[in-house]
Amino acid sequence: LMWQHAYSEFYFTKTPWPDFKKEDLIEAIRVYTSRDRRYGAIK
């Protein structure tokens, strides 16, 4: 999804997929929430 991910936030975890659980998903969202998405603008 290289075109579609142009302005996506990326989150990398060492947890392998079979061990990825709801709490890992929530942690990824928590990190996402802390980021400032400006789409090239200035805050």
ModelCIF file with pLDDT and N, C-alpha, C, O atoms, coordinates in Angstrom:
data_MODEL
#
_entry.id   MODEL 
#
_entity.id                         1 
_entity.type                       polymer 
_entity.pdbx_number_of_molecules   1 
#
_entity_poly.entity_id                      1 
_entity_poly.type                           'polypeptide(L)' 
_entity_poly.nstd_linkage                   no 
_entity_poly.nstd_monomer                   no 
_entity_poly.pdbx_seq_one_letter_code       LMWQHAYSEFYFTKTPWPDFKKEDLIEAIRVYTSRDRRYGAIK 
_entity_poly.pdbx_seq_one_letter_code_can   LMWQHAYSEFYFTKTPWPDFKKEDLIEAIRVYTSRDRRYGAIK 
_entity_poly.pdbx_strand_id                 A 
#
loop_
_entity_poly_seq.entity_id 
_entity_poly_seq.num 
_entity_poly_seq.mon_id 
_entity_poly_seq.hetero 
1 1  LEU n 
1 2  MET n 
1 3  TRP n 
1 4  GLN n 
1 5  HIS n 
1 6  ALA n 
1 7  TYR n 
1 8  SER n 
1 9  GLU n 
1 10 PHE n 
1 11 TYR n 
1 12 PHE n 
1 13 THR n 
1 14 LYS n 
1 15 THR n 
1 16 PRO n 
1 17 TRP n 
1 18 PRO n 
1 19 ASP n 
1 20 PHE n 
1 21 LYS n 
1 22 LYS n 
1 23 GLU n 
1 24 ASP n 
1 25 LEU n 
1 26 ILE n 
1 27 GLU n 
1 28 ALA n 
1 29 ILE n 
1 30 ARG n 
1 31 VAL n 
1 32 TYR n 
1 33 THR n 
1 34 SER n 
1 35 ARG n 
1 36 ASP n 
1 37 ARG n 
1 38 ARG n 
1 39 TYR n 
1 40 GLY n 
1 41 ALA n 
1 42 ILE n 
1 43 LYS n 
#
_struct_asym.id          A 
_struct_asym.entity_id   1 
#
loop_
_ma_qa_metric.id 
_ma_qa_metric.mode 
_ma_qa_metric.name 
_ma_qa_metric.software_group_id 
_ma_qa_metric.type 
1 global pLDDT . pLDDT 
2 local  pLDDT . pLDDT 
#
_ma_qa_metric_global.metric_id      1 
_ma_qa_metric_global.metric_value   91.91 
_ma_qa_metric_global.model_id       1 
_ma_qa_metric_global.ordinal_id     1 
#
loop_
_ma_qa_metric_local.label_asym_id 
_ma_qa_metric_local.label_comp_id 
_ma_qa_metric_local.label_seq_id 
_ma_qa_metric_local.metric_id 
_ma_qa_metric_local.metric_value 
_ma_qa_metric_local.model_id 
_ma_qa_metric_local.ordinal_id 
A LEU 1  2 98.00 1 1  
A MET 2  2 98.00 1 2  
A TRP 3  2 98.00 1 3  
A GLN 4  2 98.00 1 4  
A HIS 5  2 98.00 1 5  
A ALA 6  2 97.00 1 6  
A TYR 7  2 96.00 1 7  
A SER 8  2 97.00 1 8  
A GLU 9  2 97.00 1 9  
A PHE 10 2 98.00 1 10 
A TYR 11 2 98.00 1 11 
A PHE 12 2 98.00 1 12 
A THR 13 2 98.00 1 13 
A LYS 14 2 98.00 1 14 
A THR 15 2 98.00 1 15 
A PRO 16 2 97.00 1 16 
A TRP 17 2 97.00 1 17 
A PRO 18 2 97.00 1 18 
A ASP 19 2 97.00 1 19 
A PHE 20 2 98.00 1 20 
A LYS 21 2 98.00 1 21 
A LYS 22 2 98.00 1 22 
A GLU 23 2 98.00 1 23 
A ASP 24 2 98.00 1 24 
A LEU 25 2 98.00 1 25 
A ILE 26 2 98.00 1 26 
A GLU 27 2 98.00 1 27 
A ALA 28 2 98.00 1 28 
A ILE 29 2 98.00 1 29 
A ARG 30 2 97.00 1 30 
A VAL 31 2 97.00 1 31 
A TYR 32 2 97.00 1 32 
A THR 33 2 97.00 1 33 
A SER 34 2 95.00 1 34 
A ARG 35 2 92.00 1 35 
A ASP 36 2 82.00 1 36 
A ARG 37 2 72.00 1 37 
A ARG 38 2 68.00 1 38 
A TYR 39 2 63.00 1 39 
A GLY 40 2 66.00 1 40 
A ALA 41 2 66.00 1 41 
A ILE 42 2 62.00 1 42 
A LYS 43 2 65.00 1 43 
#
loop_
_atom_site.group_PDB 
_atom_site.id 
_atom_site.type_symbol 
_atom_site.label_atom_id 
_atom_site.label_alt_id 
_atom_site.label_comp_id 
_atom_site.label_asym_id 
_atom_site.label_entity_id 
_atom_site.label_seq_id 
_atom_site.pdbx_PDB_ins_code 
_atom_site.Cartn_x 
_atom_site.Cartn_y 
_atom_site.Cartn_z 
_atom_site.occupancy 
_atom_site.B_iso_or_equiv 
_atom_site.pdbx_formal_charge 
_atom_site.auth_seq_id 
_atom_site.auth_comp_id 
_atom_site.auth_asym_id 
_atom_site.auth_atom_id 
_atom_site.pdbx_PDB_model_num 
ATOM 1   N N  . LEU A 1 1  ? 0.820  -1.217  0.000  1.00 98.00 ? 1  LEU A N  1 
ATOM 2   C CA . LEU A 1 1  ? 0.000  0.000   0.000  1.00 98.00 ? 1  LEU A CA 1 
ATOM 3   C C  . LEU A 1 1  ? 0.856  1.270   0.000  1.00 98.00 ? 1  LEU A C  1 
ATOM 4   O O  . LEU A 1 1  ? 0.624  2.185   0.791  1.00 98.00 ? 1  LEU A O  1 
ATOM 5   N N  . MET A 1 2  ? 1.850  1.315   -0.899 1.00 98.00 ? 2  MET A N  1 
ATOM 6   C CA . MET A 1 2  ? 2.789  2.435   -0.862 1.00 98.00 ? 2  MET A CA 1 
ATOM 7   C C  . MET A 1 2  ? 2.133  3.759   -1.229 1.00 98.00 ? 2  MET A C  1 
ATOM 8   O O  . MET A 1 2  ? 2.487  4.791   -0.658 1.00 98.00 ? 2  MET A O  1 
ATOM 9   N N  . TRP A 1 3  ? 1.202  3.761   -2.151 1.00 98.00 ? 3  TRP A N  1 
ATOM 10  C CA . TRP A 1 3  ? 0.463  4.984   -2.477 1.00 98.00 ? 3  TRP A CA 1 
ATOM 11  C C  . TRP A 1 3  ? -0.442 5.384   -1.308 1.00 98.00 ? 3  TRP A C  1 
ATOM 12  O O  . TRP A 1 3  ? -0.488 6.548   -0.909 1.00 98.00 ? 3  TRP A O  1 
ATOM 13  N N  . GLN A 1 4  ? -1.155 4.400   -0.776 1.00 98.00 ? 4  GLN A N  1 
ATOM 14  C CA . GLN A 1 4  ? -2.144 4.657   0.275  1.00 98.00 ? 4  GLN A CA 1 
ATOM 15  C C  . GLN A 1 4  ? -1.506 5.067   1.602  1.00 98.00 ? 4  GLN A C  1 
ATOM 16  O O  . GLN A 1 4  ? -2.133 5.759   2.404  1.00 98.00 ? 4  GLN A O  1 
ATOM 17  N N  . HIS A 1 5  ? -0.254 4.641   1.838  1.00 98.00 ? 5  HIS A N  1 
ATOM 18  C CA . HIS A 1 5  ? 0.414  4.944   3.109  1.00 98.00 ? 5  HIS A CA 1 
ATOM 19  C C  . HIS A 1 5  ? 1.178  6.276   3.076  1.00 98.00 ? 5  HIS A C  1 
ATOM 20  O O  . HIS A 1 5  ? 1.991  6.541   3.961  1.00 98.00 ? 5  HIS A O  1 
ATOM 21  N N  . ALA A 1 6  ? 0.925  7.099   2.079  1.00 97.00 ? 6  ALA A N  1 
ATOM 22  C CA . ALA A 1 6  ? 1.696  8.339   1.912  1.00 97.00 ? 6  ALA A CA 1 
ATOM 23  C C  . ALA A 1 6  ? 1.703  9.210   3.168  1.00 97.00 ? 6  ALA A C  1 
ATOM 24  O O  . ALA A 1 6  ? 2.721  9.825   3.483  1.00 97.00 ? 6  ALA A O  1 
ATOM 25  N N  . TYR A 1 7  ? 0.577  9.270   3.890  1.00 96.00 ? 7  TYR A N  1 
ATOM 26  C CA . TYR A 1 7  ? 0.484  10.104  5.083  1.00 96.00 ? 7  TYR A CA 1 
ATOM 27  C C  . TYR A 1 7  ? 0.102  9.298   6.321  1.00 96.00 ? 7  TYR A C  1 
ATOM 28  O O  . TYR A 1 7  ? -0.374 9.866   7.304  1.00 96.00 ? 7  TYR A O  1 
ATOM 29  N N  . SER A 1 8  ? 0.301  8.001   6.285  1.00 97.00 ? 8  SER A N  1 
ATOM 30  C CA . SER A 1 8  ? -0.015 7.151   7.430  1.00 97.00 ? 8  SER A CA 1 
ATOM 31  C C  . SER A 1 8  ? 1.061  7.279   8.509  1.00 97.00 ? 8  SER A C  1 
ATOM 32  O O  . SER A 1 8  ? 2.222  7.570   8.220  1.00 97.00 ? 8  SER A O  1 
ATOM 33  N N  . GLU A 1 9  ? 0.652  7.058   9.740  1.00 97.00 ? 9  GLU A N  1 
ATOM 34  C CA . GLU A 1 9  ? 1.606  6.904   10.829 1.00 97.00 ? 9  GLU A CA 1 
ATOM 35  C C  . GLU A 1 9  ? 2.030  5.440   10.885 1.00 97.00 ? 9  GLU A C  1 
ATOM 36  O O  . GLU A 1 9  ? 1.206  4.548   10.683 1.00 97.00 ? 9  GLU A O  1 
ATOM 37  N N  . PHE A 1 10 ? 3.310  5.187   11.157 1.00 98.00 ? 10 PHE A N  1 
ATOM 38  C CA . PHE A 1 10 ? 3.837  3.822   11.215 1.00 98.00 ? 10 PHE A CA 1 
ATOM 39  C C  . PHE A 1 10 ? 4.124  3.440   12.664 1.00 98.00 ? 10 PHE A C  1 
ATOM 40  O O  . PHE A 1 10 ? 4.619  4.243   13.456 1.00 98.00 ? 10 PHE A O  1 
ATOM 41  N N  . TYR A 1 11 ? 3.795  2.182   12.987 1.00 98.00 ? 11 TYR A N  1 
ATOM 42  C CA . TYR A 1 11 ? 4.070  1.656   14.322 1.00 98.00 ? 11 TYR A CA 1 
ATOM 43  C C  . TYR A 1 11 ? 4.675  0.263   14.161 1.00 98.00 ? 11 TYR A C  1 
ATOM 44  O O  . TYR A 1 11 ? 4.059  -0.631  13.581 1.00 98.00 ? 11 TYR A O  1 
ATOM 45  N N  . PHE A 1 12 ? 5.885  0.094   14.681 1.00 98.00 ? 12 PHE A N  1 
ATOM 46  C CA . PHE A 1 12 ? 6.579  -1.190  14.576 1.00 98.00 ? 12 PHE A CA 1 
ATOM 47  C C  . PHE A 1 12 ? 6.714  -1.815  15.965 1.00 98.00 ? 12 PHE A C  1 
ATOM 48  O O  . PHE A 1 12 ? 7.073  -1.143  16.932 1.00 98.00 ? 12 PHE A O  1 
ATOM 49  N N  . THR A 1 13 ? 6.423  -3.096  16.040 1.00 98.00 ? 13 THR A N  1 
ATOM 50  C CA . THR A 1 13 ? 6.540  -3.813  17.301 1.00 98.00 ? 13 THR A CA 1 
ATOM 51  C C  . THR A 1 13 ? 7.305  -5.113  17.088 1.00 98.00 ? 13 THR A C  1 
ATOM 52  O O  . THR A 1 13 ? 7.213  -5.730  16.027 1.00 98.00 ? 13 THR A O  1 
ATOM 53  N N  . LYS A 1 14 ? 8.053  -5.520  18.095 1.00 98.00 ? 14 LYS A N  1 
ATOM 54  C CA . LYS A 1 14 ? 8.790  -6.779  18.005 1.00 98.00 ? 14 LYS A CA 1 
ATOM 55  C C  . LYS A 1 14 ? 7.897  -7.989  18.256 1.00 98.00 ? 14 LYS A C  1 
ATOM 56  O O  . LYS A 1 14 ? 8.321  -9.124  18.038 1.00 98.00 ? 14 LYS A O  1 
ATOM 57  N N  . THR A 1 15 ? 6.691  -7.766  18.704 1.00 98.00 ? 15 THR A N  1 
ATOM 58  C CA . THR A 1 15 ? 5.768  -8.864  18.965 1.00 98.00 ? 15 THR A CA 1 
ATOM 59  C C  . THR A 1 15 ? 5.413  -9.576  17.668 1.00 98.00 ? 15 THR A C  1 
ATOM 60  O O  . THR A 1 15 ? 4.958  -8.922  16.729 1.00 98.00 ? 15 THR A O  1 
ATOM 61  N N  . PRO A 1 16 ? 5.602  -10.897 17.576 1.00 97.00 ? 16 PRO A N  1 
ATOM 62  C CA . PRO A 1 16 ? 5.211  -11.619 16.355 1.00 97.00 ? 16 PRO A CA 1 
ATOM 63  C C  . PRO A 1 16 ? 3.696  -11.671 16.234 1.00 97.00 ? 16 PRO A C  1 
ATOM 64  O O  . PRO A 1 16 ? 2.977  -11.595 17.231 1.00 97.00 ? 16 PRO A O  1 
ATOM 65  N N  . TRP A 1 17 ? 3.222  -11.802 15.004 1.00 97.00 ? 17 TRP A N  1 
ATOM 66  C CA . TRP A 1 17 ? 1.782  -11.718 14.795 1.00 97.00 ? 17 TRP A CA 1 
ATOM 67  C C  . TRP A 1 17 ? 0.965  -12.696 15.646 1.00 97.00 ? 17 TRP A C  1 
ATOM 68  O O  . TRP A 1 17 ? -0.058 -12.279 16.188 1.00 97.00 ? 17 TRP A O  1 
ATOM 69  N N  . PRO A 1 18 ? 1.346  -13.956 15.796 1.00 97.00 ? 18 PRO A N  1 
ATOM 70  C CA . PRO A 1 18 ? 0.504  -14.856 16.606 1.00 97.00 ? 18 PRO A CA 1 
ATOM 71  C C  . PRO A 1 18 ? 0.335  -14.408 18.055 1.00 97.00 ? 18 PRO A C  1 
ATOM 72  O O  . PRO A 1 18 ? -0.635 -14.789 18.711 1.00 97.00 ? 18 PRO A O  1 
ATOM 73  N N  . ASP A 1 19 ? 1.278  -13.596 18.563 1.00 97.00 ? 19 ASP A N  1 
ATOM 74  C CA . ASP A 1 19 ? 1.202  -13.116 19.945 1.00 97.00 ? 19 ASP A CA 1 
ATOM 75  C C  . ASP A 1 19 ? 0.597  -11.714 20.048 1.00 97.00 ? 19 ASP A C  1 
ATOM 76  O O  . ASP A 1 19 ? 0.478  -11.176 21.149 1.00 97.00 ? 19 ASP A O  1 
ATOM 77  N N  . PHE A 1 20 ? 0.223  -11.128 18.940 1.00 98.00 ? 20 PHE A N  1 
ATOM 78  C CA . PHE A 1 20 ? -0.318 -9.765  18.925 1.00 98.00 ? 20 PHE A CA 1 
ATOM 79  C C  . PHE A 1 20 ? -1.769 -9.803  19.402 1.00 98.00 ? 20 PHE A C  1 
ATOM 80  O O  . PHE A 1 20 ? -2.616 -10.445 18.782 1.00 98.00 ? 20 PHE A O  1 
ATOM 81  N N  . LYS A 1 21 ? -2.047 -9.120  20.494 1.00 98.00 ? 21 LYS A N  1 
ATOM 82  C CA . LYS A 1 21 ? -3.370 -9.184  21.125 1.00 98.00 ? 21 LYS A CA 1 
ATOM 83  C C  . LYS A 1 21 ? -4.019 -7.808  21.198 1.00 98.00 ? 21 LYS A C  1 
ATOM 84  O O  . LYS A 1 21 ? -3.457 -6.816  20.734 1.00 98.00 ? 21 LYS A O  1 
ATOM 85  N N  . LYS A 1 22 ? -5.196 -7.765  21.782 1.00 98.00 ? 22 LYS A N  1 
ATOM 86  C CA . LYS A 1 22 ? -5.948 -6.519  21.888 1.00 98.00 ? 22 LYS A CA 1 
ATOM 87  C C  . LYS A 1 22 ? -5.143 -5.432  22.590 1.00 98.00 ? 22 LYS A C  1 
ATOM 88  O O  . LYS A 1 22 ? -5.173 -4.271  22.181 1.00 98.00 ? 22 LYS A O  1 
ATOM 89  N N  . GLU A 1 23 ? -4.423 -5.808  23.650 1.00 98.00 ? 23 GLU A N  1 
ATOM 90  C CA . GLU A 1 23 ? -3.646 -4.811  24.379 1.00 98.00 ? 23 GLU A CA 1 
ATOM 91  C C  . GLU A 1 23 ? -2.525 -4.225  23.512 1.00 98.00 ? 23 GLU A C  1 
ATOM 92  O O  . GLU A 1 23 ? -2.152 -3.063  23.677 1.00 98.00 ? 23 GLU A O  1 
ATOM 93  N N  . ASP A 1 24 ? -1.987 -5.040  22.583 1.00 98.00 ? 24 ASP A N  1 
ATOM 94  C CA . ASP A 1 24 ? -0.971 -4.546  21.654 1.00 98.00 ? 24 ASP A CA 1 
ATOM 95  C C  . ASP A 1 24 ? -1.594 -3.569  20.650 1.00 98.00 ? 24 ASP A C  1 
ATOM 96  O O  . ASP A 1 24 ? -0.988 -2.558  20.295 1.00 98.00 ? 24 ASP A O  1 
ATOM 97  N N  . LEU A 1 25 ? -2.794 -3.881  20.208 1.00 98.00 ? 25 LEU A N  1 
ATOM 98  C CA . LEU A 1 25 ? -3.508 -2.987  19.300 1.00 98.00 ? 25 LEU A CA 1 
ATOM 99  C C  . LEU A 1 25 ? -3.801 -1.654  19.983 1.00 98.00 ? 25 LEU A C  1 
ATOM 100 O O  . LEU A 1 25 ? -3.638 -0.591  19.384 1.00 98.00 ? 25 LEU A O  1 
ATOM 101 N N  . ILE A 1 26 ? -4.232 -1.720  21.229 1.00 98.00 ? 26 ILE A N  1 
ATOM 102 C CA . ILE A 1 26 ? -4.528 -0.496  21.987 1.00 98.00 ? 26 ILE A CA 1 
ATOM 103 C C  . ILE A 1 26 ? -3.254 0.333   22.199 1.00 98.00 ? 26 ILE A C  1 
ATOM 104 O O  . ILE A 1 26 ? -3.293 1.562   22.132 1.00 98.00 ? 26 ILE A O  1 
ATOM 105 N N  . GLU A 1 27 ? -2.137 -0.335  22.453 1.00 98.00 ? 27 GLU A N  1 
ATOM 106 C CA . GLU A 1 27 ? -0.870 0.387   22.618 1.00 98.00 ? 27 GLU A CA 1 
ATOM 107 C C  . GLU A 1 27 ? -0.483 1.099   21.329 1.00 98.00 ? 27 GLU A C  1 
ATOM 108 O O  . GLU A 1 27 ? -0.015 2.237   21.364 1.00 98.00 ? 27 GLU A O  1 
ATOM 109 N N  . ALA A 1 28 ? -0.676 0.433   20.184 1.00 98.00 ? 28 ALA A N  1 
ATOM 110 C CA . ALA A 1 28 ? -0.383 1.071   18.897 1.00 98.00 ? 28 ALA A CA 1 
ATOM 111 C C  . ALA A 1 28 ? -1.252 2.304   18.699 1.00 98.00 ? 28 ALA A C  1 
ATOM 112 O O  . ALA A 1 28 ? -0.779 3.332   18.214 1.00 98.00 ? 28 ALA A O  1 
ATOM 113 N N  . ILE A 1 29 ? -2.508 2.204   19.070 1.00 98.00 ? 29 ILE A N  1 
ATOM 114 C CA . ILE A 1 29 ? -3.423 3.341   18.943 1.00 98.00 ? 29 ILE A CA 1 
ATOM 115 C C  . ILE A 1 29 ? -3.034 4.453   19.916 1.00 98.00 ? 29 ILE A C  1 
ATOM 116 O O  . ILE A 1 29 ? -3.149 5.635   19.591 1.00 98.00 ? 29 ILE A O  1 
ATOM 117 N N  . ARG A 1 30 ? -2.575 4.074   21.104 1.00 97.00 ? 30 ARG A N  1 
ATOM 118 C CA . ARG A 1 30 ? -2.137 5.080   22.078 1.00 97.00 ? 30 ARG A CA 1 
ATOM 119 C C  . ARG A 1 30 ? -0.968 5.880   21.520 1.00 97.00 ? 30 ARG A C  1 
ATOM 120 O O  . ARG A 1 30 ? -0.934 7.104   21.643 1.00 97.00 ? 30 ARG A O  1 
ATOM 121 N N  . VAL A 1 31 ? -0.011 5.189   20.906 1.00 97.00 ? 31 VAL A N  1 
ATOM 122 C CA . VAL A 1 31 ? 1.138  5.879   20.304 1.00 97.00 ? 31 VAL A CA 1 
ATOM 123 C C  . VAL A 1 31 ? 0.667  6.757   19.141 1.00 97.00 ? 31 VAL A C  1 
ATOM 124 O O  . VAL A 1 31 ? 1.115  7.894   18.990 1.00 97.00 ? 31 VAL A O  1 
ATOM 125 N N  . TYR A 1 32 ? -0.228 6.226   18.334 1.00 97.00 ? 32 TYR A N  1 
ATOM 126 C CA . TYR A 1 32 ? -0.797 7.001   17.226 1.00 97.00 ? 32 TYR A CA 1 
ATOM 127 C C  . TYR A 1 32 ? -1.454 8.286   17.743 1.00 97.00 ? 32 TYR A C  1 
ATOM 128 O O  . TYR A 1 32 ? -1.299 9.356   17.154 1.00 97.00 ? 32 TYR A O  1 
ATOM 129 N N  . THR A 1 33 ? -2.181 8.165   18.841 1.00 97.00 ? 33 THR A N  1 
ATOM 130 C CA . THR A 1 33 ? -2.876 9.310   19.416 1.00 97.00 ? 33 THR A CA 1 
ATOM 131 C C  . THR A 1 33 ? -1.902 10.405  19.836 1.00 97.00 ? 33 THR A C  1 
ATOM 132 O O  . THR A 1 33 ? -2.231 11.590  19.778 1.00 97.00 ? 33 THR A O  1 
ATOM 133 N N  . SER A 1 34 ? -0.708 10.010  20.258 1.00 95.00 ? 34 SER A N  1 
ATOM 134 C CA . SER A 1 34 ? 0.272  10.981  20.749 1.00 95.00 ? 34 SER A CA 1 
ATOM 135 C C  . SER A 1 34 ? 0.974  11.735  19.628 1.00 95.00 ? 34 SER A C  1 
ATOM 136 O O  . SER A 1 34 ? 1.680  12.709  19.890 1.00 95.00 ? 34 SER A O  1 
ATOM 137 N N  . ARG A 1 35 ? 0.795  11.308  18.396 1.00 92.00 ? 35 ARG A N  1 
ATOM 138 C CA . ARG A 1 35 ? 1.487  11.936  17.275 1.00 92.00 ? 35 ARG A CA 1 
ATOM 139 C C  . ARG A 1 35 ? 0.672  13.081  16.676 1.00 92.00 ? 35 ARG A C  1 
ATOM 140 O O  . ARG A 1 35 ? -0.556 13.114  16.759 1.00 92.00 ? 35 ARG A O  1 
ATOM 141 N N  . ASP A 1 36 ? 1.403  14.014  16.072 1.00 82.00 ? 36 ASP A N  1 
ATOM 142 C CA . ASP A 1 36 ? 0.787  15.205  15.485 1.00 82.00 ? 36 ASP A CA 1 
ATOM 143 C C  . ASP A 1 36 ? 0.808  15.062  13.963 1.00 82.00 ? 36 ASP A C  1 
ATOM 144 O O  . ASP A 1 36 ? 1.860  15.190  13.337 1.00 82.00 ? 36 ASP A O  1 
ATOM 145 N N  . ARG A 1 37 ? -0.348 14.799  13.379 1.00 72.00 ? 37 ARG A N  1 
ATOM 146 C CA . ARG A 1 37 ? -0.445 14.619  11.922 1.00 72.00 ? 37 ARG A CA 1 
ATOM 147 C C  . ARG A 1 37 ? -0.732 15.972  11.274 1.00 72.00 ? 37 ARG A C  1 
ATOM 148 O O  . ARG A 1 37 ? -1.815 16.531  11.442 1.00 72.00 ? 37 ARG A O  1 
ATOM 149 N N  . ARG A 1 38 ? 0.256  16.497  10.525 1.00 68.00 ? 38 ARG A N  1 
ATOM 150 C CA . ARG A 1 38 ? 0.129  17.850  9.970  1.00 68.00 ? 38 ARG A CA 1 
ATOM 151 C C  . ARG A 1 38 ? -0.051 17.855  8.447  1.00 68.00 ? 38 ARG A C  1 
ATOM 152 O O  . ARG A 1 38 ? -0.419 18.884  7.881  1.00 68.00 ? 38 ARG A O  1 
ATOM 153 N N  . TYR A 1 39 ? 0.199  16.731  7.781  1.00 63.00 ? 39 TYR A N  1 
ATOM 154 C CA . TYR A 1 39 ? 0.027  16.639  6.320  1.00 63.00 ? 39 TYR A CA 1 
ATOM 155 C C  . TYR A 1 39 ? 0.788  17.758  5.594  1.00 63.00 ? 39 TYR A C  1 
ATOM 156 O O  . TYR A 1 39 ? 0.277  18.345  4.640  1.00 63.00 ? 39 TYR A O  1 
ATOM 157 N N  . GLY A 1 40 ? 1.987  18.040  6.045  1.00 66.00 ? 40 GLY A N  1 
ATOM 158 C CA . GLY A 1 40 ? 2.835  19.027  5.387  1.00 66.00 ? 40 GLY A CA 1 
ATOM 159 C C  . GLY A 1 40 ? 2.656  20.440  5.885  1.00 66.00 ? 40 GLY A C  1 
ATOM 160 O O  . GLY A 1 40 ? 3.431  21.321  5.514  1.00 66.00 ? 40 GLY A O  1 
ATOM 161 N N  . ALA A 1 41 ? 1.650  20.688  6.721  1.00 66.00 ? 41 ALA A N  1 
ATOM 162 C CA . ALA A 1 41 ? 1.417  22.029  7.243  1.00 66.00 ? 41 ALA A CA 1 
ATOM 163 C C  . ALA A 1 41 ? 2.272  22.263  8.489  1.00 66.00 ? 41 ALA A C  1 
ATOM 164 O O  . ALA A 1 41 ? 2.976  21.364  8.949  1.00 66.00 ? 41 ALA A O  1 
ATOM 165 N N  . ILE A 1 42 ? 2.201  23.457  9.015  1.00 62.00 ? 42 ILE A N  1 
ATOM 166 C CA . ILE A 1 42 ? 2.936  23.809  10.223 1.00 62.00 ? 42 ILE A CA 1 
ATOM 167 C C  . ILE A 1 42 ? 1.963  23.981  11.358 1.00 62.00 ? 42 ILE A C  1 
ATOM 168 O O  . ILE A 1 42 ? 0.948  24.661  11.210 1.00 62.00 ? 42 ILE A O  1 
ATOM 169 N N  . LYS A 1 43 ? 2.254  23.378  12.488 1.00 65.00 ? 43 LYS A N  1 
ATOM 170 C CA . LYS A 1 43 ? 1.382  23.520  13.645 1.00 65.00 ? 43 LYS A CA 1 
ATOM 171 C C  . LYS A 1 43 ? 1.506  24.923  14.221 1.00 65.00 ? 43 LYS A C  1 
ATOM 172 O O  . LYS A 1 43 ? 0.845  25.245  15.209 1.00 65.00 ? 43 LYS A O  1 
#
